[in-house]
Protein backbone atom coordinates (compact mmCIF):
# COMPACT_ATOMS: atom_id res chain seq x y z
CA UNK A 1 115.20 64.83 117.61
CA UNK A 2 112.29 64.14 119.98
CA UNK A 3 109.57 66.77 120.42
CA UNK A 4 107.57 67.19 123.64
CA UNK A 5 104.42 69.09 124.54
CA UNK A 6 103.70 71.03 127.71
CA UNK A 7 100.79 73.05 129.07
CA UNK A 8 102.08 76.57 129.82
CA UNK A 9 99.11 77.20 132.12
CA UNK A 10 100.24 74.50 134.55
CA UNK A 11 103.89 73.64 133.85
CA UNK A 12 106.09 75.66 136.27
CA UNK A 13 108.99 75.64 133.81
CA UNK A 14 107.24 77.92 131.33
CA UNK A 15 107.00 81.12 133.47
CA UNK A 16 110.64 80.69 134.51
CA UNK A 17 111.71 80.23 130.90
CA UNK A 18 109.73 83.28 129.70
CA UNK A 19 111.12 85.42 132.53
CA UNK A 20 114.72 84.75 131.53
CA UNK A 21 114.45 84.61 127.73
CA UNK A 22 115.51 87.89 126.07
CA UNK A 23 113.05 87.51 123.17
CA UNK A 24 109.98 86.70 125.26
CA UNK A 25 107.14 89.23 125.20
CA UNK A 26 103.93 89.81 127.11
CA UNK A 27 102.24 87.55 124.54
CA UNK A 28 104.28 84.57 125.81
CA UNK A 29 103.22 85.03 129.42
CA UNK A 30 100.93 82.72 131.34
CA UNK A 31 98.76 85.73 132.16
CA UNK A 32 98.03 86.53 128.48
CA UNK A 33 97.32 82.85 127.84
CA UNK A 34 94.99 82.65 130.84
CA UNK A 35 92.96 85.57 129.50
CA UNK A 36 92.72 83.90 126.08
CA UNK A 37 91.66 80.60 127.63
CA UNK A 38 89.06 82.17 129.92
CA UNK A 39 87.53 84.32 127.20
CA UNK A 40 87.69 82.15 124.10
CA UNK A 41 88.48 78.64 125.32
CA UNK A 42 91.73 78.42 123.31
CA UNK A 43 94.12 75.68 124.42
CA UNK A 44 97.72 76.89 124.83
CA UNK A 45 100.46 74.39 123.92
CA UNK A 46 104.25 74.69 123.96
CA UNK A 47 106.32 72.42 121.72
CA UNK A 48 109.92 71.86 122.82
CA UNK A 49 112.88 69.55 122.36
CA UNK A 50 113.58 69.83 126.11
CA UNK A 51 112.53 67.08 128.49
CA UNK A 52 114.50 68.08 131.57
CA UNK A 53 113.98 70.12 134.71
CA UNK A 54 114.41 73.36 132.76
CA UNK A 55 113.55 74.36 129.19
CA UNK A 56 116.14 75.34 126.63
CA UNK A 57 113.57 76.22 123.94
CA UNK A 58 109.85 76.45 123.34
CA UNK A 59 107.48 77.40 120.53
CA UNK A 60 104.13 78.61 121.84
CA UNK A 61 100.78 78.09 120.11
CA UNK A 62 97.12 78.14 120.93
CA UNK A 63 94.88 75.48 119.47
CA UNK A 64 91.75 77.14 118.12
CA UNK A 65 88.70 74.97 117.52
CA UNK A 66 85.94 76.64 115.51
CA UNK A 67 83.08 75.26 113.48
CA UNK A 68 83.27 78.45 111.41
CA UNK A 69 87.00 78.89 110.73
CA UNK A 70 88.34 75.42 111.43
CA UNK A 71 90.78 73.81 113.84
CA UNK A 72 94.26 75.35 113.73
CA UNK A 73 97.43 76.27 115.62
CA UNK A 74 98.13 79.99 116.01
CA UNK A 75 101.15 81.56 117.70
CA UNK A 76 99.30 83.28 119.30
CA UNK A 77 95.76 84.65 118.87
CA UNK A 78 95.25 88.43 119.07
CA UNK A 79 98.97 89.08 119.48
CA UNK A 80 100.88 91.42 117.20
CA UNK A 81 103.89 89.10 117.36
CA UNK A 82 105.04 85.98 119.22
CA UNK A 83 108.65 85.09 118.56
CA UNK A 84 109.50 81.34 118.55
CA UNK A 85 111.85 80.94 121.52
CA UNK A 86 114.22 78.49 119.85
CA UNK A 87 117.39 78.63 117.81
CA UNK A 88 117.26 77.82 114.09
CA UNK A 89 118.10 74.11 114.44
CA UNK A 90 115.57 73.44 117.21
CA UNK A 91 112.89 75.53 115.50
CA UNK A 92 113.40 73.62 112.27
CA UNK A 93 113.04 70.31 114.11
CA UNK A 94 109.85 71.43 115.88
CA UNK A 95 108.24 72.81 112.73
CA UNK A 96 109.09 69.70 110.73
CA UNK A 97 107.42 67.59 113.41
CA UNK A 98 104.33 69.83 113.38
CA UNK A 99 104.22 69.64 109.58
CA UNK A 100 104.22 65.84 109.81
CA UNK A 101 101.41 65.95 112.41
CA UNK A 102 99.17 68.50 110.73
CA UNK A 103 96.97 66.08 108.80
CA UNK A 104 96.56 63.57 111.64
CA UNK A 105 95.72 66.39 114.07
CA UNK A 106 93.34 67.87 111.47
CA UNK A 107 94.80 71.36 111.76
CA UNK A 108 93.60 73.51 108.89
CA UNK A 109 96.87 75.42 109.14
CA UNK A 110 99.71 76.32 111.50
CA UNK A 111 100.57 80.01 111.84
CA UNK A 112 103.71 81.66 113.21
CA UNK A 113 103.87 85.36 114.12
CA UNK A 114 107.58 86.01 114.71
CA UNK A 115 108.86 89.41 115.73
CA UNK A 116 111.96 88.80 113.63
CA UNK A 117 112.23 86.78 110.43
CA UNK A 118 115.92 86.12 111.02
CA UNK A 119 116.53 82.52 110.00
CA UNK A 120 113.02 82.14 108.59
CA UNK A 121 114.28 81.97 104.98
CA UNK A 122 115.95 78.64 105.77
CA UNK A 123 112.86 77.50 107.66
CA UNK A 124 110.68 78.34 104.63
CA UNK A 125 112.88 76.27 102.34
CA UNK A 126 112.77 73.16 104.50
CA UNK A 127 109.48 73.05 106.40
CA UNK A 128 106.69 74.04 103.98
CA UNK A 129 106.09 77.29 105.85
CA UNK A 130 105.75 80.45 103.77
CA UNK A 131 105.01 84.11 104.35
CA UNK A 132 101.27 84.74 104.52
CA UNK A 133 100.86 88.37 105.69
CA UNK A 134 103.08 91.41 106.09
CA UNK A 135 102.60 94.31 108.51
CA UNK A 136 104.38 97.49 109.50
CA UNK A 137 105.79 97.35 113.02
CA UNK A 138 106.76 100.46 114.96
CA UNK A 139 108.48 101.14 118.26
CA UNK A 140 109.86 104.13 120.15
CA UNK A 141 113.22 104.08 121.89
CA UNK A 142 112.55 105.33 125.42
CA UNK A 143 116.18 105.38 126.57
CA UNK A 144 116.81 109.05 125.69
CA UNK A 145 115.76 111.82 128.09
CA UNK A 146 112.10 112.85 128.03
CA UNK A 147 112.96 116.21 126.48
CA UNK A 148 114.69 114.48 123.57
CA UNK A 149 111.73 112.11 123.06
CA UNK A 150 109.36 115.08 123.05
CA UNK A 151 111.49 116.90 120.46
CA UNK A 152 111.19 113.78 118.28
CA UNK A 153 107.42 114.28 118.01
CA UNK A 154 106.06 115.89 114.84
CA UNK A 155 105.50 119.58 115.57
CA UNK A 156 102.02 120.17 114.13
CA UNK A 157 100.66 116.59 114.28
CA UNK A 158 101.69 115.79 117.86
CA UNK A 159 103.34 118.57 119.90
CA UNK A 160 100.80 121.22 118.95
CA UNK A 161 97.93 118.84 119.75
CA UNK A 162 99.44 117.96 123.14
CA UNK A 163 99.56 121.68 123.97
CA UNK A 164 95.94 122.06 122.85
CA UNK A 165 94.85 119.17 125.07
CA UNK A 166 96.70 120.68 128.03
CA UNK A 167 95.00 124.05 127.46
CA UNK A 168 91.63 122.30 127.39
CA UNK A 169 92.45 120.91 130.87
CA UNK A 170 91.45 117.38 129.94
CA UNK A 171 91.30 115.15 133.02
CA UNK A 172 93.71 112.19 132.94
CA UNK A 173 93.06 108.92 134.79
CA UNK A 174 95.06 105.70 134.77
CA UNK A 175 94.51 102.32 136.40
CA UNK A 176 92.48 99.18 135.82
CA UNK A 177 89.29 99.76 137.79
CA UNK A 178 85.91 98.67 136.47
CA UNK A 179 84.99 102.36 136.09
CA UNK A 180 87.97 103.00 133.79
CA UNK A 181 87.29 99.81 131.84
CA UNK A 182 83.69 100.95 131.34
CA UNK A 183 84.86 104.31 129.98
CA UNK A 184 87.25 102.49 127.66
CA UNK A 185 84.55 100.08 126.45
CA UNK A 186 82.15 102.95 125.75
CA UNK A 187 84.76 104.67 123.59
CA UNK A 188 85.65 101.35 121.95
CA UNK A 189 82.03 100.84 120.90
CA UNK A 190 81.98 104.31 119.30
CA UNK A 191 85.28 103.68 117.52
CA UNK A 192 84.42 100.23 116.19
CA UNK A 193 81.02 101.49 115.00
CA UNK A 194 82.84 104.33 113.22
CA UNK A 195 85.10 101.76 111.55
CA UNK A 196 82.06 99.58 110.79
CA UNK A 197 83.37 96.66 112.86
CA UNK A 198 82.01 94.92 115.98
CA UNK A 199 83.89 95.59 119.25
CA UNK A 200 85.89 92.98 121.13
CA UNK A 201 83.78 91.45 123.96
CA UNK A 202 83.74 93.22 127.32
CA UNK A 203 84.74 90.00 129.09
CA UNK A 204 88.02 89.95 127.15
CA UNK A 205 89.13 93.24 128.67
CA UNK A 206 87.89 92.23 132.11
CA UNK A 207 89.87 88.99 131.92
CA UNK A 208 92.97 90.83 130.68
CA UNK A 209 92.76 93.22 133.64
CA UNK A 210 92.28 90.38 136.14
CA UNK A 211 95.02 88.15 134.69
CA UNK A 212 97.66 90.78 133.96
CA UNK A 213 97.04 92.80 137.11
CA UNK A 214 99.30 95.83 137.44
CA UNK A 215 100.96 95.00 134.11
CA UNK A 216 97.86 96.41 132.37
CA UNK A 217 96.98 100.11 132.51
CA UNK A 218 93.85 101.78 131.14
CA UNK A 219 94.59 105.43 130.28
CA UNK A 220 91.57 107.75 129.89
CA UNK A 221 91.19 111.46 129.14
CA UNK A 222 87.88 113.21 129.78
CA UNK A 223 86.40 116.62 129.04
CA UNK A 224 84.07 117.50 131.87
CA UNK A 225 82.09 114.25 132.32
CA UNK A 226 82.67 112.93 128.80
CA UNK A 227 85.47 110.43 128.05
CA UNK A 228 87.42 111.76 125.07
CA UNK A 229 90.05 109.10 124.33
CA UNK A 230 91.50 105.96 125.89
CA UNK A 231 94.36 103.53 125.31
CA UNK A 232 95.37 100.27 126.99
CA UNK A 233 99.05 99.52 127.56
CA UNK A 234 100.73 96.33 128.79
CA UNK A 235 104.13 96.03 130.43
CA UNK A 236 106.59 93.14 130.27
CA UNK A 237 110.13 93.44 131.56
CA UNK A 238 111.51 96.65 130.02
CA UNK A 239 108.90 96.94 127.24
CA UNK A 240 105.71 98.98 127.23
CA UNK A 241 103.15 97.71 124.70
CA UNK A 242 100.36 99.76 123.16
CA UNK A 243 97.56 97.28 122.52
CA UNK A 244 94.19 99.04 122.13
CA UNK A 245 93.03 102.59 121.48
CA UNK A 246 89.69 104.33 120.98
CA UNK A 247 88.17 107.81 120.98
CA UNK A 248 85.03 109.91 120.60
CA UNK A 249 85.15 111.62 117.20
CA UNK A 250 83.30 114.66 118.56
CA UNK A 251 86.42 115.59 120.55
CA UNK A 252 89.20 114.77 118.06
CA UNK A 253 90.08 118.45 117.72
CA UNK A 254 91.08 118.56 121.41
CA UNK A 255 94.24 116.50 120.88
CA UNK A 256 93.43 113.82 123.45
CA UNK A 257 95.08 110.85 121.76
CA UNK A 258 98.56 112.42 121.34
CA UNK A 259 98.44 113.53 124.98
CA UNK A 260 97.57 109.96 126.07
CA UNK A 261 100.65 108.58 124.34
CA UNK A 262 102.79 111.29 125.92
CA UNK A 263 101.37 110.41 129.36
CA UNK A 264 102.07 106.71 128.74
CA UNK A 265 105.65 107.51 127.69
CA UNK A 266 106.19 109.58 130.83
CA UNK A 267 104.89 106.72 132.99
CA UNK A 268 107.04 104.24 131.11
CA UNK A 269 110.16 106.32 131.78
CA UNK A 270 109.30 106.39 135.49
CA UNK A 271 109.06 102.57 135.45
CA UNK A 272 112.42 102.21 133.71
CA UNK A 273 110.94 101.00 130.43
CA UNK A 274 113.32 101.17 127.45
CA UNK A 275 111.03 100.43 124.48
CA UNK A 276 107.48 101.45 123.58
CA UNK A 277 106.08 98.72 121.30
CA UNK A 278 103.36 100.37 119.19
CA UNK A 279 102.38 97.09 117.56
CA UNK A 280 101.53 96.21 114.00
CA UNK A 281 99.68 98.24 111.38
CA UNK A 282 98.01 96.77 108.32
CA UNK A 283 99.16 97.81 104.82
CA UNK A 284 95.73 99.33 104.12
CA UNK A 285 95.96 101.69 107.14
CA UNK A 286 98.59 104.29 106.16
CA UNK A 287 97.04 106.85 108.50
CA UNK A 288 97.89 104.72 111.55
CA UNK A 289 101.43 104.15 110.29
CA UNK A 290 101.84 107.90 109.80
CA UNK A 291 100.51 108.71 113.28
CA UNK A 292 102.97 106.32 114.92
CA UNK A 293 105.75 107.79 112.80
CA UNK A 294 104.81 111.28 114.01
CA UNK A 295 105.44 110.01 117.55
CA UNK A 296 109.04 109.36 116.55
CA UNK A 297 108.64 105.62 116.06
CA UNK A 298 111.03 103.57 113.96
CA UNK A 299 109.30 101.39 111.34
CA UNK A 300 110.22 97.84 110.40
CA UNK A 301 108.39 94.86 108.93
CA UNK A 302 106.72 91.84 110.50
CA UNK A 303 105.90 88.75 108.46
CA UNK A 304 103.55 85.97 109.47
CA UNK A 305 104.15 82.41 108.21
CA UNK A 306 101.78 79.54 107.53
CA UNK A 307 101.86 75.84 106.81
CA UNK A 308 100.56 74.72 104.39
CA UNK A 309 101.86 77.36 102.04
CA UNK A 310 98.95 79.80 101.74
CA UNK A 311 97.10 80.19 98.50
CA UNK A 312 96.55 83.61 96.99
CA UNK A 313 93.45 85.02 98.68
CA UNK A 314 90.50 85.74 96.46
CA UNK A 315 89.11 89.19 97.05
CA UNK A 316 85.51 89.24 98.14
CA UNK A 317 83.17 91.42 96.15
CA UNK A 318 83.37 95.00 97.29
CA UNK A 319 79.58 95.50 97.19
CA UNK A 320 79.15 92.59 99.61
CA UNK A 321 81.78 93.87 102.02
CA UNK A 322 80.44 97.41 101.82
CA UNK A 323 76.88 96.30 102.52
CA UNK A 324 77.89 94.20 105.53
CA UNK A 325 80.02 96.96 107.05
CA UNK A 326 77.32 99.54 106.52
CA UNK A 327 74.87 97.25 108.30
CA UNK A 328 77.24 96.90 111.27
CA UNK A 329 77.37 100.68 111.63
CA UNK A 330 73.62 100.83 112.27
CA UNK A 331 73.18 97.87 114.62
CA UNK A 332 71.65 98.69 118.02
CA UNK A 333 74.27 98.84 120.77
CA UNK A 334 73.38 95.50 122.48
CA UNK A 335 73.35 93.72 119.11
CA UNK A 336 76.66 95.27 118.06
CA UNK A 337 78.31 94.23 121.33
CA UNK A 338 76.83 90.74 121.06
CA UNK A 339 78.12 90.38 117.51
CA UNK A 340 81.65 90.93 118.78
CA UNK A 341 81.23 88.29 121.47
CA UNK A 342 80.19 85.72 118.87
CA UNK A 343 82.66 86.73 116.15
CA UNK A 344 86.03 86.99 117.90
CA UNK A 345 85.94 83.46 119.30
CA UNK A 346 86.25 82.22 115.70
CA UNK A 347 88.93 84.67 114.53
CA UNK A 348 91.96 84.04 116.72
């Protein structure tokens, strides 16, 4: 079976295909890919067995070129999931062709991030792809009435904190203005420093806001003049996606973050959204998994797959990791922000 390549940034068939495919997400959209390309220079590519006026399948990747982490195909960078939009037979054909091309194209590896691993067992057996990472995935069903969704929240961990935040008269703002993005970025810097990690570059969020337009919302709560907590949500079809969150630890006792999620859910219901995608959580972050569960989310599993079959990772020395992360926590603000700008281009 022949395989073809197309550029989803310019080929008019891709947006039409994504709009009608039931498994397509915001991470398949031209707008998400434009933001990736503008910020990091990644080259989006779709591989398909279709060569007609319309597409019947497509597997989306970005080609990442990095002197630090190598040249590779990732489906797709900084997404929580990106389901291959192809049935088992077509997907097998596409992945076999990519496997045959990997050495000549000098790809260090090819990575898939499917939402569902249905059919992937057969793919693993026949295409030299194997599971490389596993995450918890959580989502909230927004089809019930708001009152029922609210009753599904954990009493002390969520509902009580929402009431506390309402008593504190925290000011809620939502939109995508530069002022709201600046409040978000300020809180993000505090949060990433607290976690001893550099923040994502400011230009990434600016490009996301410009490319996604009204599909992106920055939610901010403030106490007097101080931003307390912020989240960014994305919308695609009938799905609301929680993508980024941050807060000021000085105000954690005010219950701002639970109230933000409740506000986002209320807005989602007004827009007719049916699912709130809370994204992935790493195995070493049980606190985040628990928080999402307290919101009434249902938990499942997401597996990423790589070709060639990944080797067992060697753990880096804990003293080395600890020293580096401690150093990050004390970097001056401009240096910390600059470190993120340099680092994330190579991660993908």
